[in-house]
Structure formats: C-alpha cells, structure tokens
C-alpha cells in the first residue's frame, strides 16, 4: 500500500488571500484523486501544519517571548508544535494501520484552526 502526503496549510478565509483558494483547490483535488488511486492501494492525505517551531517561525524579528505570547493567546493548547509531531502523523498515515484512511485533510495545529473542515 502506498501513501502520498501533501502539506497544504489552511484554506480558512481569515483574510482576502488568493492562497486560500489555491489550498482549497488542492484539498478538493486530493479528495478526487484519492478516489481514483485507491483501487491501486494508494492512499492520499493533506496535512495542515499549524504553528510548528521551525526556522521559518524563528525569524530574527521574532523573540521567544513573542512566540510564547502568541501561542498562549492564539493556540488552544498554548504551545507551538514541533516537527516530530508532523513526522508522527506522516509515519502513521504511511503505515498499514491507516490503510482504511484516504482523502483526508488533517490539521496538526494545536487547535488553532477556527473552522470545522
């Protein structure tokens, strides 16, 4: 059984942003593609990472205190995620334990997503 995982980010319309439409299109395309490739034993998922502590979130103008305050104010679990948490979900989705899952959009975001998918 094969698996394809695409980090797609959120498609929530928080502001007027063309990227939201593109991400929503990727989610819809992935769902349709999952229906076509499932018969070959291929599963397909989109993963929406939230505020993951990476180089991109540690840019020079962002202090540790500012990141901590943002997490406490905006993320329901009050902390940023780490790359290993994304790796864990990808490892699960690529394993035989997830054979019955396909065509999903999975947020790994500490609850920051404001809308139901």
N, C-alpha and C. Protein backbone atom coordinates (compact mmCIF):
# COMPACT_ATOMS: atom_id res chain seq x y z
N UNK A 1 0.84 -1.16 0.00
CA UNK A 1 0.00 0.00 0.00
C UNK A 1 0.89 1.23 0.00
N UNK A 2 0.66 2.17 -0.89
CA UNK A 2 1.43 3.40 -0.95
C UNK A 2 0.68 4.54 -0.31
N UNK A 3 1.39 5.60 -0.03
CA UNK A 3 0.74 6.76 0.58
C UNK A 3 1.37 8.03 0.04
N UNK A 4 0.55 9.06 -0.13
CA UNK A 4 1.02 10.37 -0.54
C UNK A 4 0.52 11.38 0.46
N UNK A 5 1.41 12.23 0.95
CA UNK A 5 1.02 13.23 1.94
C UNK A 5 1.49 14.59 1.46
N UNK A 6 0.60 15.56 1.46
CA UNK A 6 0.91 16.89 0.97
C UNK A 6 0.67 17.91 2.07
N UNK A 7 1.72 18.64 2.53
CA UNK A 7 1.45 19.72 3.48
C UNK A 7 0.77 20.86 2.74
N UNK A 8 -0.42 21.25 3.18
CA UNK A 8 -1.19 22.21 2.41
C UNK A 8 -1.52 23.49 3.14
N UNK A 9 -1.36 23.53 4.43
CA UNK A 9 -1.76 24.73 5.15
C UNK A 9 -3.26 24.86 5.21
N UNK A 10 -3.71 25.94 5.73
CA UNK A 10 -5.14 26.13 5.92
C UNK A 10 -5.79 26.77 4.70
N UNK A 11 -7.05 26.47 4.50
CA UNK A 11 -7.82 27.12 3.44
C UNK A 11 -8.88 28.04 4.04
N UNK A 12 -8.74 28.35 5.33
CA UNK A 12 -9.69 29.22 6.00
C UNK A 12 -9.62 30.63 5.43
N UNK A 13 -10.75 31.26 5.20
CA UNK A 13 -10.74 32.63 4.67
C UNK A 13 -10.58 33.68 5.77
N UNK A 14 -9.42 33.70 6.44
CA UNK A 14 -9.20 34.68 7.51
C UNK A 14 -9.02 36.09 6.96
N UNK A 15 -8.43 36.21 5.78
CA UNK A 15 -8.27 37.48 5.09
C UNK A 15 -8.44 37.21 3.60
N UNK A 16 -8.54 38.25 2.83
CA UNK A 16 -8.62 38.08 1.38
C UNK A 16 -7.24 37.71 0.88
N UNK A 17 -7.11 36.47 0.45
CA UNK A 17 -5.80 35.93 0.09
C UNK A 17 -6.00 34.85 -0.95
N UNK A 18 -5.37 35.00 -2.09
CA UNK A 18 -5.53 34.03 -3.17
C UNK A 18 -5.00 32.65 -2.76
N UNK A 19 -4.06 32.59 -1.83
CA UNK A 19 -3.52 31.30 -1.40
C UNK A 19 -4.61 30.42 -0.79
N UNK A 20 -5.59 31.03 -0.11
CA UNK A 20 -6.67 30.24 0.48
C UNK A 20 -7.43 29.46 -0.59
N UNK A 21 -7.71 30.11 -1.72
CA UNK A 21 -8.41 29.44 -2.81
C UNK A 21 -7.57 28.31 -3.38
N UNK A 22 -6.28 28.54 -3.52
CA UNK A 22 -5.39 27.51 -4.06
C UNK A 22 -5.34 26.30 -3.12
N UNK A 23 -5.27 26.55 -1.83
CA UNK A 23 -5.23 25.45 -0.86
C UNK A 23 -6.53 24.67 -0.86
N UNK A 24 -7.66 25.38 -0.95
CA UNK A 24 -8.95 24.70 -1.02
C UNK A 24 -9.03 23.85 -2.28
N UNK A 25 -8.47 24.34 -3.37
CA UNK A 25 -8.45 23.57 -4.61
C UNK A 25 -7.59 22.31 -4.45
N UNK A 26 -6.45 22.42 -3.77
CA UNK A 26 -5.60 21.24 -3.54
C UNK A 26 -6.35 20.22 -2.69
N UNK A 27 -7.08 20.69 -1.69
CA UNK A 27 -7.85 19.76 -0.85
C UNK A 27 -8.91 19.03 -1.68
N UNK A 28 -9.63 19.76 -2.52
CA UNK A 28 -10.66 19.14 -3.37
C UNK A 28 -10.03 18.19 -4.38
N UNK A 29 -8.93 18.61 -5.00
CA UNK A 29 -8.23 17.76 -5.97
C UNK A 29 -7.73 16.48 -5.30
N UNK A 30 -7.19 16.61 -4.09
CA UNK A 30 -6.68 15.44 -3.37
C UNK A 30 -7.80 14.45 -3.06
N UNK A 31 -8.96 14.97 -2.68
CA UNK A 31 -10.09 14.09 -2.38
C UNK A 31 -10.49 13.32 -3.64
N UNK A 32 -10.60 14.02 -4.75
CA UNK A 32 -10.94 13.36 -6.01
C UNK A 32 -9.89 12.36 -6.43
N UNK A 33 -8.62 12.73 -6.32
CA UNK A 33 -7.54 11.83 -6.70
C UNK A 33 -7.52 10.60 -5.82
N UNK A 34 -7.83 10.76 -4.54
CA UNK A 34 -7.84 9.61 -3.63
C UNK A 34 -8.87 8.57 -4.09
N UNK A 35 -9.96 9.01 -4.68
CA UNK A 35 -10.98 8.09 -5.19
C UNK A 35 -10.47 7.34 -6.42
N UNK A 36 -9.64 8.00 -7.21
CA UNK A 36 -9.12 7.36 -8.42
C UNK A 36 -7.99 6.38 -8.14
N UNK A 37 -7.14 6.67 -7.17
CA UNK A 37 -5.95 5.84 -6.96
C UNK A 37 -6.12 4.79 -5.86
N UNK A 38 -7.22 4.87 -5.11
CA UNK A 38 -7.45 3.92 -4.03
C UNK A 38 -7.45 2.47 -4.50
N UNK A 39 -7.98 2.22 -5.69
CA UNK A 39 -8.03 0.84 -6.20
C UNK A 39 -6.65 0.25 -6.43
N UNK A 40 -5.63 1.08 -6.46
CA UNK A 40 -4.24 0.62 -6.63
C UNK A 40 -3.52 0.50 -5.29
N UNK A 41 -4.26 0.65 -4.20
CA UNK A 41 -3.65 0.55 -2.88
C UNK A 41 -2.92 1.81 -2.45
N UNK A 42 -3.23 2.93 -3.08
CA UNK A 42 -2.59 4.20 -2.76
C UNK A 42 -3.55 5.05 -1.95
N UNK A 43 -3.08 5.56 -0.83
CA UNK A 43 -3.88 6.49 -0.03
C UNK A 43 -3.28 7.88 -0.17
N UNK A 44 -4.12 8.88 0.03
CA UNK A 44 -3.68 10.24 -0.19
C UNK A 44 -4.27 11.14 0.90
N UNK A 45 -3.44 12.01 1.46
CA UNK A 45 -3.86 12.89 2.54
C UNK A 45 -3.24 14.27 2.40
N UNK A 46 -3.92 15.28 2.89
CA UNK A 46 -3.36 16.62 3.03
C UNK A 46 -3.15 16.86 4.52
N UNK A 47 -2.02 17.40 4.86
CA UNK A 47 -1.71 17.70 6.26
C UNK A 47 -1.60 19.21 6.39
N UNK A 48 -2.37 19.78 7.32
CA UNK A 48 -2.35 21.22 7.56
C UNK A 48 -1.52 21.50 8.81
N UNK A 49 -0.26 21.88 8.63
CA UNK A 49 0.52 22.19 9.82
C UNK A 49 0.12 23.53 10.40
N UNK A 50 0.12 23.60 11.71
CA UNK A 50 -0.14 24.86 12.40
C UNK A 50 1.17 25.58 12.64
N UNK A 51 1.29 26.23 13.78
CA UNK A 51 2.49 26.96 14.14
C UNK A 51 3.52 25.95 14.62
N UNK A 52 4.35 25.46 13.70
CA UNK A 52 5.39 24.48 14.01
C UNK A 52 6.71 25.22 14.21
N UNK A 53 7.41 24.89 15.28
CA UNK A 53 8.69 25.55 15.55
C UNK A 53 9.74 25.08 14.54
N UNK A 54 10.02 25.95 13.62
CA UNK A 54 10.99 25.68 12.56
C UNK A 54 11.77 26.97 12.32
N UNK A 55 12.71 26.94 11.41
CA UNK A 55 13.46 28.15 11.10
C UNK A 55 12.53 29.28 10.66
N UNK A 56 11.47 28.93 9.93
CA UNK A 56 10.54 29.96 9.44
C UNK A 56 9.84 30.68 10.60
N UNK A 57 9.60 29.98 11.69
CA UNK A 57 8.95 30.60 12.85
C UNK A 57 9.93 31.20 13.84
N UNK A 58 11.20 31.11 13.56
CA UNK A 58 12.22 31.69 14.44
C UNK A 58 12.97 32.81 13.75
N UNK A 59 12.31 33.51 12.85
CA UNK A 59 12.99 34.56 12.10
C UNK A 59 13.49 35.65 13.05
N UNK A 60 14.51 36.39 12.68
CA UNK A 60 15.22 37.29 13.59
C UNK A 60 14.35 38.30 14.33
N UNK A 61 13.28 38.80 13.74
CA UNK A 61 12.46 39.81 14.41
C UNK A 61 11.46 39.21 15.39
N UNK A 62 11.44 37.90 15.52
CA UNK A 62 10.50 37.23 16.42
C UNK A 62 11.27 36.71 17.63
N UNK A 63 10.92 37.21 18.80
CA UNK A 63 11.59 36.77 20.02
C UNK A 63 10.89 35.55 20.59
N UNK A 64 11.58 34.84 21.44
CA UNK A 64 11.00 33.69 22.12
C UNK A 64 9.79 34.13 22.94
N UNK A 65 9.88 35.27 23.58
CA UNK A 65 8.76 35.78 24.37
C UNK A 65 7.54 36.08 23.48
N UNK A 66 7.77 36.68 22.33
CA UNK A 66 6.66 36.98 21.41
C UNK A 66 6.01 35.70 20.90
N UNK A 67 6.82 34.70 20.61
CA UNK A 67 6.27 33.40 20.15
C UNK A 67 5.46 32.75 21.26
N UNK A 68 5.95 32.81 22.48
CA UNK A 68 5.24 32.22 23.62
C UNK A 68 3.92 32.95 23.87
N UNK A 69 3.93 34.27 23.80
CA UNK A 69 2.70 35.05 23.99
C UNK A 69 1.68 34.75 22.89
N UNK A 70 2.16 34.63 21.64
CA UNK A 70 1.26 34.27 20.54
C UNK A 70 0.61 32.92 20.81
N UNK A 71 1.42 31.95 21.19
CA UNK A 71 0.89 30.60 21.43
C UNK A 71 -0.15 30.62 22.55
N UNK A 72 0.12 31.32 23.62
CA UNK A 72 -0.83 31.37 24.74
C UNK A 72 -2.11 32.10 24.36
N UNK A 73 -2.01 33.07 23.47
CA UNK A 73 -3.18 33.86 23.07
C UNK A 73 -3.98 33.18 21.96
N UNK A 74 -3.32 32.53 21.00
CA UNK A 74 -3.99 32.06 19.78
C UNK A 74 -4.15 30.55 19.64
N UNK A 75 -3.33 29.76 20.32
CA UNK A 75 -3.37 28.31 20.15
C UNK A 75 -4.03 27.69 21.37
N UNK A 76 -5.13 26.97 21.19
CA UNK A 76 -5.84 26.40 22.34
C UNK A 76 -4.98 25.56 23.28
N UNK A 77 -4.00 24.83 22.76
CA UNK A 77 -3.14 24.05 23.66
C UNK A 77 -1.98 24.89 24.21
N UNK A 78 -1.91 26.16 23.80
CA UNK A 78 -0.99 27.18 24.33
C UNK A 78 0.49 26.94 24.06
N UNK A 79 0.82 26.08 23.12
CA UNK A 79 2.21 25.88 22.73
C UNK A 79 2.28 25.69 21.23
N UNK A 80 3.45 25.95 20.66
CA UNK A 80 3.69 25.65 19.26
C UNK A 80 4.02 24.18 19.12
N UNK A 81 3.79 23.65 17.92
CA UNK A 81 4.12 22.25 17.67
C UNK A 81 5.59 22.10 17.33
N UNK A 82 6.01 20.86 17.21
CA UNK A 82 7.39 20.61 16.79
C UNK A 82 7.37 19.69 15.57
N UNK A 83 8.45 19.70 14.79
CA UNK A 83 8.48 18.91 13.56
C UNK A 83 8.21 17.42 13.78
N UNK A 84 8.60 16.90 14.93
CA UNK A 84 8.39 15.47 15.20
C UNK A 84 6.90 15.13 15.24
N UNK A 85 6.06 16.08 15.65
CA UNK A 85 4.62 15.82 15.68
C UNK A 85 4.06 15.67 14.27
N UNK A 86 4.59 16.43 13.34
CA UNK A 86 4.20 16.23 11.94
C UNK A 86 4.72 14.88 11.43
N UNK A 87 5.95 14.57 11.78
CA UNK A 87 6.53 13.29 11.36
C UNK A 87 5.73 12.11 11.90
N UNK A 88 5.23 12.23 13.13
CA UNK A 88 4.43 11.14 13.71
C UNK A 88 3.17 10.87 12.91
N UNK A 89 2.45 11.91 12.48
CA UNK A 89 1.22 11.70 11.72
C UNK A 89 1.54 11.14 10.33
N UNK A 90 2.61 11.61 9.72
CA UNK A 90 3.01 11.08 8.41
C UNK A 90 3.39 9.60 8.53
N UNK A 91 4.13 9.27 9.59
CA UNK A 91 4.52 7.87 9.81
C UNK A 91 3.29 7.00 9.98
N UNK A 92 2.32 7.46 10.76
CA UNK A 92 1.08 6.71 10.93
C UNK A 92 0.35 6.54 9.60
N UNK A 93 0.20 7.63 8.85
CA UNK A 93 -0.55 7.56 7.59
C UNK A 93 0.12 6.66 6.56
N UNK A 94 1.44 6.54 6.64
CA UNK A 94 2.17 5.67 5.70
C UNK A 94 2.19 4.22 6.17
N UNK A 95 1.69 3.97 7.36
CA UNK A 95 1.73 2.60 7.91
C UNK A 95 0.47 1.82 7.53
N UNK A 96 0.52 0.50 7.65
CA UNK A 96 -0.67 -0.32 7.38
C UNK A 96 -1.83 0.00 8.32
N UNK A 97 -1.56 0.61 9.49
CA UNK A 97 -2.63 0.94 10.43
C UNK A 97 -3.60 1.97 9.84
N UNK A 98 -3.18 2.71 8.81
CA UNK A 98 -4.02 3.75 8.22
C UNK A 98 -4.55 3.35 6.84
N UNK A 99 -4.55 2.06 6.53
CA UNK A 99 -4.99 1.61 5.21
C UNK A 99 -6.42 2.00 4.87
N UNK A 100 -7.27 2.18 5.85
CA UNK A 100 -8.67 2.50 5.60
C UNK A 100 -8.93 4.00 5.57
N UNK A 101 -7.87 4.78 5.66
CA UNK A 101 -8.00 6.24 5.60
C UNK A 101 -7.47 6.73 4.26
N UNK A 102 -8.21 7.60 3.61
CA UNK A 102 -7.74 8.26 2.40
C UNK A 102 -8.60 9.48 2.12
N UNK A 103 -8.05 10.42 1.40
CA UNK A 103 -8.80 11.61 1.02
C UNK A 103 -9.07 12.56 2.16
N UNK A 104 -8.21 12.55 3.16
CA UNK A 104 -8.45 13.39 4.34
C UNK A 104 -7.63 14.67 4.31
N UNK A 105 -8.10 15.65 5.07
CA UNK A 105 -7.34 16.86 5.37
C UNK A 105 -7.18 16.84 6.88
N UNK A 106 -5.93 16.72 7.34
CA UNK A 106 -5.68 16.53 8.76
C UNK A 106 -4.91 17.74 9.32
N UNK A 107 -5.55 18.51 10.20
CA UNK A 107 -4.82 19.60 10.83
C UNK A 107 -3.95 19.07 11.97
N UNK A 108 -2.72 19.52 12.01
CA UNK A 108 -1.80 19.25 13.13
C UNK A 108 -1.42 20.64 13.62
N UNK A 109 -2.33 21.22 14.43
CA UNK A 109 -2.24 22.65 14.68
C UNK A 109 -2.54 23.09 16.10
N UNK A 110 -2.65 22.17 17.03
CA UNK A 110 -2.92 22.55 18.41
C UNK A 110 -4.29 23.20 18.61
N UNK A 111 -5.16 23.06 17.61
CA UNK A 111 -6.49 23.62 17.70
C UNK A 111 -6.62 25.04 17.18
N UNK A 112 -5.58 25.56 16.54
CA UNK A 112 -5.60 26.96 16.08
C UNK A 112 -6.62 27.18 14.96
N UNK A 113 -6.92 26.13 14.21
CA UNK A 113 -7.90 26.25 13.13
C UNK A 113 -9.25 26.63 13.73
N UNK A 114 -9.86 27.66 13.22
CA UNK A 114 -11.09 28.19 13.80
C UNK A 114 -12.36 27.60 13.24
N UNK A 115 -12.27 26.97 12.09
CA UNK A 115 -13.48 26.46 11.43
C UNK A 115 -13.41 24.96 11.27
N UNK A 116 -14.57 24.32 11.33
CA UNK A 116 -14.62 22.88 11.05
C UNK A 116 -14.34 22.68 9.56
N UNK A 117 -13.69 21.59 9.24
CA UNK A 117 -13.37 21.34 7.83
C UNK A 117 -14.53 20.69 7.14
